[in-house]
Amino acid sequence: MLSLAAASAYFLLIHLLVSGTRARDAIVRRIGEGPYMGLFVVASFAGLIWMGWAYALVRHDAANTFFWGVTPATRGVQILLQLVAFFFIVAGQMTPNPTSVRAIAPKGPGEAMLDQPDLVAGMLRITRHPFLWGAAVWAFGHLVVNGDLASFILFGSLLLLALWGPSAIDAKRRRRMGAKYEDFMARTSNVPFAAILAGRQQLRLGEIGAEKLVASLVAWAALGMAHPILFGVRAF
């Protein structure tokens, strides 16, 4: 359990104390955007692998405390939550977005995207951070069906990071892109549907595109069917 806690703390801290902070800006000035992103990706993947390995070791260990198990009701809720999560993740990744890693990468479209008059469309009308909200729903769904201490540490850490991430990305983009990004923020919302409820946007499902909806459904179904092979637990 100690290894899982350490891995989760490591993964959280490299994001909370480096990514999205002025420490990141200082490192980028020193070594450049490309090398920084390469190092951070390696560090992040190392953290995820460590977390997954530690979780697998302790999941059925006597040191792990179980508070509740899977029921037909919680399994049904989890299936629906994962469908929502995949919609936000897949459709969000297929939508041009200045908050994405690809946009800010070296030679990425970056600030130029903010000059596009039709940028805010489809998924961006719902939230400017679809991937992270999808990740948050994904993590929460796994907590619904995994009522044990190890899962609280693993999925709770990922949920916390997904909920914190949008504010860190917004702060990072504002420092880099200035007034253009502030205008983008004013026309969109972090919390899903908040801009629509506030009257700053309209929900236009047709703009999302049928291909994104189909891709989300296919990815959800494929991972669900492969889940027993990959993780030893059936999803459906």
Protein backbone atom coordinates (compact mmCIF):
# COMPACT_ATOMS: atom_id res chain seq x y z
CA MET A 1 0.00 0.00 0.00
CA LEU A 2 2.91 2.32 0.75
CA SER A 3 4.23 1.93 -2.81
CA LEU A 4 0.82 2.80 -4.27
CA ALA A 5 0.53 5.85 -2.03
CA ALA A 6 4.04 6.96 -3.00
CA ALA A 7 3.34 6.45 -6.71
CA SER A 8 0.09 8.40 -6.50
CA ALA A 9 1.78 11.21 -4.55
CA TYR A 10 4.59 11.35 -7.10
CA PHE A 11 2.13 11.55 -10.01
CA LEU A 12 0.09 14.26 -8.32
CA LEU A 13 3.07 16.34 -7.26
CA ILE A 14 4.77 16.47 -10.67
CA HIS A 15 1.53 17.95 -11.99
CA LEU A 16 0.54 20.13 -9.03
CA LEU A 17 4.02 21.55 -8.42
CA VAL A 18 5.42 21.62 -11.97
CA SER A 19 2.91 21.40 -14.81
CA GLY A 20 0.81 24.54 -15.05
CA THR A 21 2.91 26.47 -12.53
CA ARG A 22 5.58 29.12 -12.93
CA ALA A 23 8.15 26.41 -12.18
CA ARG A 24 7.25 24.95 -15.56
CA ASP A 25 7.80 28.34 -17.20
CA ALA A 26 11.24 28.60 -15.61
CA ILE A 27 12.22 25.10 -16.79
CA VAL A 28 10.98 25.82 -20.33
CA ARG A 29 13.03 29.02 -20.47
CA ARG A 30 16.06 27.04 -19.45
CA ILE A 31 15.80 23.92 -21.66
CA GLY A 32 13.12 24.77 -24.24
CA GLU A 33 9.51 23.68 -24.80
CA GLY A 34 10.32 20.50 -26.72
CA PRO A 35 12.80 18.97 -24.24
CA TYR A 36 10.56 19.91 -21.33
CA MET A 37 7.52 18.21 -22.87
CA GLY A 38 9.56 15.12 -23.67
CA LEU A 39 10.86 14.84 -20.12
CA PHE A 40 7.44 15.48 -18.63
CA VAL A 41 5.79 12.81 -20.79
CA VAL A 42 8.43 10.28 -19.72
CA ALA A 43 8.00 11.25 -16.06
CA SER A 44 4.21 11.00 -16.33
CA PHE A 45 4.24 7.60 -18.03
CA ALA A 46 6.71 6.34 -15.42
CA GLY A 47 4.30 7.49 -12.72
CA LEU A 48 1.32 5.80 -14.35
CA ILE A 49 3.22 2.53 -14.77
CA TRP A 50 4.34 2.68 -11.13
CA MET A 51 0.76 3.35 -10.00
CA GLY A 52 -0.65 0.50 -12.08
CA TRP A 53 2.01 -1.96 -10.91
CA ALA A 54 1.57 -1.02 -7.24
CA TYR A 55 -2.23 -1.22 -7.53
CA ALA A 56 -2.09 -4.68 -9.07
CA LEU A 57 0.14 -5.92 -6.24
CA VAL A 58 -2.02 -4.63 -3.40
CA ARG A 59 -5.53 -4.93 -4.92
CA HIS A 60 -6.23 -8.32 -3.35
CA ASP A 61 -3.72 -8.08 -0.54
CA ALA A 62 -4.78 -8.50 3.07
CA ALA A 63 -3.65 -4.92 3.72
CA ASN A 64 -6.36 -3.64 1.39
CA THR A 65 -9.62 -2.73 3.13
CA PHE A 66 -12.90 -3.26 1.26
CA PHE A 67 -15.89 -1.06 2.10
CA TRP A 68 -18.29 -2.19 -0.63
CA GLY A 69 -18.29 -4.36 -3.73
CA VAL A 70 -19.87 -4.43 -7.16
CA THR A 71 -23.66 -4.74 -7.36
CA PRO A 72 -25.91 -4.87 -10.45
CA ALA A 73 -26.94 -1.29 -9.72
CA THR A 74 -23.40 0.10 -9.37
CA ARG A 75 -22.27 -1.85 -12.45
CA GLY A 76 -25.08 -0.25 -14.47
CA VAL A 77 -24.14 3.21 -13.23
CA GLN A 78 -20.50 2.53 -14.07
CA ILE A 79 -21.31 1.42 -17.62
CA LEU A 80 -23.27 4.61 -18.28
CA LEU A 81 -20.59 6.81 -16.69
CA GLN A 82 -17.91 5.23 -18.85
CA LEU A 83 -19.99 5.92 -21.96
CA VAL A 84 -20.21 9.58 -20.94
CA ALA A 85 -16.49 9.60 -20.16
CA PHE A 86 -15.56 8.19 -23.55
CA PHE A 87 -17.79 10.72 -25.29
CA PHE A 88 -15.95 13.60 -23.62
CA ILE A 89 -12.52 12.02 -24.08
CA VAL A 90 -12.78 10.80 -27.68
CA ALA A 91 -14.99 13.52 -29.13
CA GLY A 92 -12.99 16.09 -27.19
CA GLN A 93 -9.68 14.84 -28.57
CA MET A 94 -11.10 14.95 -32.10
CA THR A 95 -12.09 18.62 -31.68
CA PRO A 96 -9.52 21.39 -32.36
CA ASN A 97 -8.86 22.98 -29.00
CA PRO A 98 -6.26 25.53 -27.80
CA THR A 99 -6.23 23.82 -24.38
CA SER A 100 -4.89 20.55 -25.80
CA VAL A 101 -1.28 19.42 -25.54
CA ARG A 102 -1.07 19.23 -29.35
CA ALA A 103 -1.99 22.90 -29.64
CA ILE A 104 0.76 24.10 -27.36
CA ALA A 105 3.43 21.67 -28.57
CA PRO A 106 6.36 22.98 -30.63
CA LYS A 107 5.07 23.70 -34.16
CA GLY A 108 1.51 23.21 -32.92
CA PRO A 109 -1.26 25.66 -33.90
CA GLY A 110 -1.22 27.22 -30.43
CA GLU A 111 -2.22 30.88 -30.27
CA ALA A 112 -3.15 30.97 -33.97
CA MET A 113 -6.21 28.85 -33.18
CA LEU A 114 -7.63 31.70 -31.14
CA ASP A 115 -7.83 33.86 -34.27
CA GLN A 116 -10.32 31.47 -35.89
CA PRO A 117 -13.80 33.06 -35.75
CA ASP A 118 -15.55 29.68 -35.67
CA LEU A 119 -13.25 28.07 -33.08
CA VAL A 120 -15.90 27.75 -30.36
CA ALA A 121 -18.14 25.06 -31.80
CA GLY A 122 -19.25 21.52 -31.01
CA MET A 123 -17.62 20.18 -27.86
CA LEU A 124 -16.13 23.55 -26.98
CA ARG A 125 -19.63 24.94 -26.50
CA ILE A 126 -20.04 22.36 -23.72
CA THR A 127 -16.61 22.76 -22.06
CA ARG A 128 -13.16 23.96 -23.08
CA HIS A 129 -11.65 20.99 -21.20
CA PRO A 130 -13.54 17.93 -22.50
CA PHE A 131 -10.67 15.46 -22.07
CA LEU A 132 -10.11 16.25 -18.40
CA TRP A 133 -13.81 16.16 -17.59
CA GLY A 134 -13.98 12.81 -19.35
CA ALA A 135 -11.07 11.62 -17.23
CA ALA A 136 -12.85 12.86 -14.09
CA VAL A 137 -16.02 10.93 -14.97
CA TRP A 138 -13.90 7.87 -15.81
CA ALA A 139 -12.15 7.97 -12.43
CA PHE A 140 -15.37 8.61 -10.50
CA GLY A 141 -17.06 5.70 -12.28
CA HIS A 142 -14.29 3.37 -11.17
CA LEU A 143 -14.73 4.52 -7.58
CA VAL A 144 -18.44 3.65 -7.78
CA VAL A 145 -17.64 -0.03 -8.38
CA ASN A 146 -14.35 -0.29 -6.46
CA GLY A 147 -15.04 0.40 -2.81
CA ASP A 148 -11.62 -0.44 -1.42
CA LEU A 149 -8.72 1.54 -0.03
CA ALA A 150 -6.34 0.83 -2.92
CA SER A 151 -8.92 2.07 -5.43
CA PHE A 152 -9.55 5.19 -3.35
CA ILE A 153 -5.84 5.99 -3.57
CA LEU A 154 -5.47 5.22 -7.29
CA PHE A 155 -8.70 6.51 -8.79
CA GLY A 156 -9.11 9.22 -6.17
CA SER A 157 -5.72 10.65 -7.12
CA LEU A 158 -6.61 10.61 -10.81
CA LEU A 159 -10.00 12.21 -10.08
CA LEU A 160 -8.34 14.96 -8.05
CA LEU A 161 -5.85 15.63 -10.83
CA ALA A 162 -8.56 15.71 -13.51
CA LEU A 163 -10.58 18.24 -11.51
CA TRP A 164 -7.54 20.42 -10.77
CA GLY A 165 -6.14 20.25 -14.30
CA PRO A 166 -8.46 22.75 -16.05
CA SER A 167 -7.55 25.64 -13.75
CA ALA A 168 -3.83 24.88 -14.17
CA ILE A 169 -4.14 24.75 -17.96
CA ASP A 170 -6.13 27.98 -18.03
CA ALA A 171 -3.49 29.75 -15.93
CA LYS A 172 -0.71 28.42 -18.17
CA ARG A 173 -2.48 29.47 -21.39
CA ARG A 174 -3.32 32.93 -20.00
CA ARG A 175 0.33 33.57 -19.18
CA ARG A 176 1.34 32.50 -22.67
CA MET A 177 -1.50 33.83 -24.84
CA GLY A 178 -2.77 36.78 -22.82
CA ALA A 179 -5.93 38.65 -23.83
CA LYS A 180 -6.80 36.26 -26.67
CA TYR A 181 -7.08 33.36 -24.28
CA GLU A 182 -9.02 35.43 -21.76
CA ASP A 183 -11.55 36.16 -24.51
CA PHE A 184 -11.74 32.43 -25.28
CA MET A 185 -12.39 31.76 -21.59
CA ALA A 186 -15.13 34.38 -21.53
CA ARG A 187 -16.93 32.65 -24.41
CA THR A 188 -16.60 29.13 -22.98
CA SER A 189 -16.75 27.39 -19.61
CA ASN A 190 -14.66 24.98 -17.62
CA VAL A 191 -17.61 23.21 -15.99
CA PRO A 192 -19.60 21.33 -18.67
CA PHE A 193 -22.73 23.16 -19.88
CA ALA A 194 -22.10 26.17 -17.61
CA ALA A 195 -21.64 28.59 -20.54
CA ILE A 196 -24.82 27.23 -22.14
CA LEU A 197 -26.82 27.65 -18.92
CA ALA A 198 -25.40 31.15 -18.52
CA GLY A 199 -26.54 32.09 -22.03
CA ARG A 200 -23.01 32.59 -23.40
CA GLN A 201 -23.33 29.56 -25.69
CA GLN A 202 -25.95 27.37 -27.32
CA LEU A 203 -26.02 23.58 -27.39
CA ARG A 204 -25.64 22.50 -31.02
CA LEU A 205 -25.20 18.74 -31.14
CA GLY A 206 -24.99 18.75 -34.92
CA GLU A 207 -21.69 20.60 -34.73
CA ILE A 208 -20.09 17.76 -32.77
CA GLY A 209 -20.34 15.45 -35.75
CA ALA A 210 -21.70 11.93 -36.10
CA GLU A 211 -18.20 10.54 -36.68
CA LYS A 212 -17.12 11.70 -33.22
CA LEU A 213 -20.14 10.10 -31.60
CA VAL A 214 -19.52 6.83 -33.44
CA ALA A 215 -15.81 6.87 -32.57
CA SER A 216 -16.68 7.41 -28.90
CA LEU A 217 -19.15 4.51 -28.92
CA VAL A 218 -16.71 2.19 -30.70
CA ALA A 219 -13.88 3.03 -28.28
CA TRP A 220 -16.18 2.50 -25.28
CA ALA A 221 -17.41 -0.87 -26.56
CA ALA A 222 -13.94 -2.05 -27.62
CA LEU A 223 -12.34 -1.30 -24.26
CA GLY A 224 -15.31 -2.78 -22.46
CA MET A 225 -14.94 -6.06 -24.32
CA ALA A 226 -11.16 -6.09 -23.89
CA HIS A 227 -11.38 -5.19 -20.19
CA PRO A 228 -11.31 -8.81 -18.90
CA ILE A 229 -8.21 -9.53 -20.99
CA LEU A 230 -6.38 -6.35 -20.08
CA PHE A 231 -7.36 -6.01 -16.42
CA GLY A 232 -8.92 -9.33 -15.39
CA VAL A 233 -12.31 -7.78 -14.59
CA ARG A 234 -15.38 -7.77 -16.80
CA ALA A 235 -16.82 -4.34 -17.63
CA PHE A 236 -20.23 -5.34 -18.96
